[in-house]
Amino acid sequence: MSTKKVLLVVPGKDENVFKSFRNLPKVKYLYMDYLNPADLM
């Protein structure tokens, strides 16, 4: 089993992207305005 994670950074609210990725394991959906260095580690 892989331990890799995906951070999806989007420029703003997009309902289609949110619905597409919300049920995928190990995927974090984040708005660009809320991105911080801890999220990138």
PDB file of N, CA and C in Angstrom:
ATOM      1  N   MET A   1       0.842  -1.180   0.000  1.00  0.00           N
ATOM      2  CA  MET A   1       0.000   0.000   0.000  1.00  0.00           C
ATOM      3  C   MET A   1       0.887   1.243   0.000  1.00  0.00           C
ATOM      4  N   SER A   2       0.584   2.161  -0.855  1.00  0.00           N
ATOM      5  CA  SER A   2       1.372   3.386  -0.961  1.00  0.00           C
ATOM      6  C   SER A   2       1.003   4.368   0.148  1.00  0.00           C
ATOM      7  N   THR A   3       1.994   5.102   0.621  1.00  0.00           N
ATOM      8  CA  THR A   3       1.746   6.108   1.656  1.00  0.00           C
ATOM      9  C   THR A   3       1.757   7.517   1.077  1.00  0.00           C
ATOM     10  N   LYS A   4       1.785   7.627  -0.223  1.00  0.00           N
ATOM     11  CA  LYS A   4       1.811   8.942  -0.854  1.00  0.00           C
ATOM     12  C   LYS A   4       0.458   9.619  -0.751  1.00  0.00           C
ATOM     13  N   LYS A   5       0.508  10.947  -0.665  1.00  0.00           N
ATOM     14  CA  LYS A   5      -0.702  11.757  -0.572  1.00  0.00           C
ATOM     15  C   LYS A   5      -0.707  12.776  -1.697  1.00  0.00           C
ATOM     16  N   VAL A   6      -1.875  13.307  -1.984  1.00  0.00           N
ATOM     17  CA  VAL A   6      -2.030  14.314  -3.027  1.00  0.00           C
ATOM     18  C   VAL A   6      -2.621  15.568  -2.400  1.00  0.00           C
ATOM     19  N   LEU A   7      -2.006  16.702  -2.687  1.00  0.00           N
ATOM     20  CA  LEU A   7      -2.539  17.994  -2.264  1.00  0.00           C
ATOM     21  C   LEU A   7      -3.012  18.717  -3.515  1.00  0.00           C
ATOM     22  N   LEU A   8      -4.302  18.939  -3.599  1.00  0.00           N
ATOM     23  CA  LEU A   8      -4.899  19.621  -4.734  1.00  0.00           C
ATOM     24  C   LEU A   8      -5.161  21.062  -4.334  1.00  0.00           C
ATOM     25  N   VAL A   9      -4.430  21.994  -4.940  1.00  0.00           N
ATOM     26  CA  VAL A   9      -4.579  23.418  -4.630  1.00  0.00           C
ATOM     27  C   VAL A   9      -5.301  24.075  -5.798  1.00  0.00           C
ATOM     28  N   VAL A  10      -6.418  24.717  -5.480  1.00  0.00           N
ATOM     29  CA  VAL A  10      -7.224  25.364  -6.517  1.00  0.00           C
ATOM     30  C   VAL A  10      -7.327  26.856  -6.217  1.00  0.00           C
ATOM     31  N   PRO A  11      -7.488  27.685  -7.254  1.00  0.00           N
ATOM     32  CA  PRO A  11      -7.503  29.132  -7.043  1.00  0.00           C
ATOM     33  C   PRO A  11      -8.746  29.649  -6.331  1.00  0.00           C
ATOM     34  N   GLY A  12      -9.834  28.944  -6.399  1.00  0.00           N
ATOM     35  CA  GLY A  12     -11.067  29.398  -5.757  1.00  0.00           C
ATOM     36  C   GLY A  12     -12.075  28.275  -5.685  1.00  0.00           C
ATOM     37  N   LYS A  13     -13.255  28.594  -5.201  1.00  0.00           N
ATOM     38  CA  LYS A  13     -14.291  27.584  -5.029  1.00  0.00           C
ATOM     39  C   LYS A  13     -14.741  27.042  -6.379  1.00  0.00           C
ATOM     40  N   ASP A  14     -14.710  25.728  -6.503  1.00  0.00           N
ATOM     41  CA  ASP A  14     -15.157  25.053  -7.713  1.00  0.00           C
ATOM     42  C   ASP A  14     -15.907  23.794  -7.282  1.00  0.00           C
ATOM     43  N   GLU A  15     -17.206  23.836  -7.355  1.00  0.00           N
ATOM     44  CA  GLU A  15     -18.045  22.736  -6.869  1.00  0.00           C
ATOM     45  C   GLU A  15     -17.760  21.431  -7.609  1.00  0.00           C
ATOM     46  N   ASN A  16     -17.474  21.496  -8.901  1.00  0.00           N
ATOM     47  CA  ASN A  16     -17.188  20.283  -9.665  1.00  0.00           C
ATOM     48  C   ASN A  16     -15.906  19.612  -9.202  1.00  0.00           C
ATOM     49  N   VAL A  17     -14.884  20.390  -8.949  1.00  0.00           N
ATOM     50  CA  VAL A  17     -13.623  19.831  -8.454  1.00  0.00           C
ATOM     51  C   VAL A  17     -13.832  19.237  -7.071  1.00  0.00           C
ATOM     52  N   PHE A  18     -14.539  19.951  -6.212  1.00  0.00           N
ATOM     53  CA  PHE A  18     -14.809  19.461  -4.864  1.00  0.00           C
ATOM     54  C   PHE A  18     -15.528  18.114  -4.911  1.00  0.00           C
ATOM     55  N   LYS A  19     -16.571  18.008  -5.708  1.00  0.00           N
ATOM     56  CA  LYS A  19     -17.329  16.763  -5.806  1.00  0.00           C
ATOM     57  C   LYS A  19     -16.496  15.639  -6.409  1.00  0.00           C
ATOM     58  N   SER A  20     -15.597  15.973  -7.312  1.00  0.00           N
ATOM     59  CA  SER A  20     -14.776  14.960  -7.965  1.00  0.00           C
ATOM     60  C   SER A  20     -13.739  14.346  -7.038  1.00  0.00           C
ATOM     61  N   PHE A  21     -13.209  15.128  -6.115  1.00  0.00           N
ATOM     62  CA  PHE A  21     -12.102  14.652  -5.290  1.00  0.00           C
ATOM     63  C   PHE A  21     -12.452  14.367  -3.836  1.00  0.00           C
ATOM     64  N   ARG A  22     -13.639  14.693  -3.377  1.00  0.00           N
ATOM     65  CA  ARG A  22     -13.960  14.581  -1.950  1.00  0.00           C
ATOM     66  C   ARG A  22     -13.960  13.155  -1.419  1.00  0.00           C
ATOM     67  N   ASN A  23     -14.219  12.165  -2.239  1.00  0.00           N
ATOM     68  CA  ASN A  23     -14.283  10.787  -1.768  1.00  0.00           C
ATOM     69  C   ASN A  23     -13.020   9.980  -2.043  1.00  0.00           C
ATOM     70  N   LEU A  24     -12.022  10.603  -2.617  1.00  0.00           N
ATOM     71  CA  LEU A  24     -10.786   9.877  -2.887  1.00  0.00           C
ATOM     72  C   LEU A  24      -9.904   9.859  -1.650  1.00  0.00           C
ATOM     73  N   PRO A  25      -9.423   8.684  -1.280  1.00  0.00           N
ATOM     74  CA  PRO A  25      -8.549   8.615  -0.104  1.00  0.00           C
ATOM     75  C   PRO A  25      -7.210   9.294  -0.381  1.00  0.00           C
ATOM     76  N   LYS A  26      -6.656   9.875   0.622  1.00  0.00           N
ATOM     77  CA  LYS A  26      -5.334  10.508   0.576  1.00  0.00           C
ATOM     78  C   LYS A  26      -5.266  11.714  -0.358  1.00  0.00           C
ATOM     79  N   VAL A  27      -6.405  12.345  -0.628  1.00  0.00           N
ATOM     80  CA  VAL A  27      -6.438  13.570  -1.423  1.00  0.00           C
ATOM     81  C   VAL A  27      -6.953  14.689  -0.533  1.00  0.00           C
ATOM     82  N   LYS A  28      -6.179  15.760  -0.447  1.00  0.00           N
ATOM     83  CA  LYS A  28      -6.579  16.928   0.331  1.00  0.00           C
ATOM     84  C   LYS A  28      -6.872  18.057  -0.650  1.00  0.00           C
ATOM     85  N   TYR A  29      -8.036  18.669  -0.524  1.00  0.00           N
ATOM     86  CA  TYR A  29      -8.500  19.749  -1.390  1.00  0.00           C
ATOM     87  C   TYR A  29      -8.360  21.050  -0.629  1.00  0.00           C
ATOM     88  N   LEU A  30      -7.647  22.024  -1.189  1.00  0.00           N
ATOM     89  CA  LEU A  30      -7.354  23.246  -0.455  1.00  0.00           C
ATOM     90  C   LEU A  30      -7.401  24.447  -1.389  1.00  0.00           C
ATOM     91  N   TYR A  31      -8.012  25.538  -0.902  1.00  0.00           N
ATOM     92  CA  TYR A  31      -8.009  26.784  -1.668  1.00  0.00           C
ATOM     93  C   TYR A  31      -6.635  27.441  -1.565  1.00  0.00           C
ATOM     94  N   MET A  32      -6.222  28.082  -2.629  1.00  0.00           N
ATOM     95  CA  MET A  32      -4.915  28.721  -2.683  1.00  0.00           C
ATOM     96  C   MET A  32      -4.732  29.741  -1.559  1.00  0.00           C
ATOM     97  N   ASP A  33      -5.784  30.445  -1.186  1.00  0.00           N
ATOM     98  CA  ASP A  33      -5.696  31.461  -0.132  1.00  0.00           C
ATOM     99  C   ASP A  33      -5.363  30.867   1.230  1.00  0.00           C
ATOM    100  N   TYR A  34      -5.653  29.589   1.428  1.00  0.00           N
ATOM    101  CA  TYR A  34      -5.437  28.946   2.726  1.00  0.00           C
ATOM    102  C   TYR A  34      -4.182  28.078   2.765  1.00  0.00           C
ATOM    103  N   LEU A  35      -3.413  28.079   1.706  1.00  0.00           N
ATOM    104  CA  LEU A  35      -2.196  27.281   1.629  1.00  0.00           C
ATOM    105  C   LEU A  35      -1.132  27.835   2.568  1.00  0.00           C
ATOM    106  N   ASN A  36      -0.462  26.945   3.296  1.00  0.00           N
ATOM    107  CA  ASN A  36       0.633  27.365   4.166  1.00  0.00           C
ATOM    108  C   ASN A  36       1.750  26.329   4.081  1.00  0.00           C
ATOM    109  N   PRO A  37       2.945  26.643   4.554  1.00  0.00           N
ATOM    110  CA  PRO A  37       4.083  25.731   4.435  1.00  0.00           C
ATOM    111  C   PRO A  37       3.849  24.357   5.062  1.00  0.00           C
ATOM    112  N   ALA A  38       3.097  24.286   6.123  1.00  0.00           N
ATOM    113  CA  ALA A  38       2.843  22.994   6.767  1.00  0.00           C
ATOM    114  C   ALA A  38       2.062  22.061   5.843  1.00  0.00           C
ATOM    115  N   ASP A  39       1.215  22.606   4.997  1.00  0.00           N
ATOM    116  CA  ASP A  39       0.461  21.777   4.057  1.00  0.00           C
ATOM    117  C   ASP A  39       1.368  21.150   3.003  1.00  0.00           C
ATOM    118  N   LEU A  40       2.459  21.793   2.707  1.00  0.00           N
ATOM    119  CA  LEU A  40       3.362  21.305   1.666  1.00  0.00           C
ATOM    120  C   LEU A  40       4.324  20.228   2.151  1.00  0.00           C
ATOM    121  N   MET A  41       4.386  20.027   3.436  1.00  0.00           N
ATOM    122  CA  MET A  41       5.300  19.016   3.986  1.00  0.00           C
ATOM    123  C   MET A  41       4.610  17.699   4.169  1.00  0.00           C
TER     124      MET A  41
END
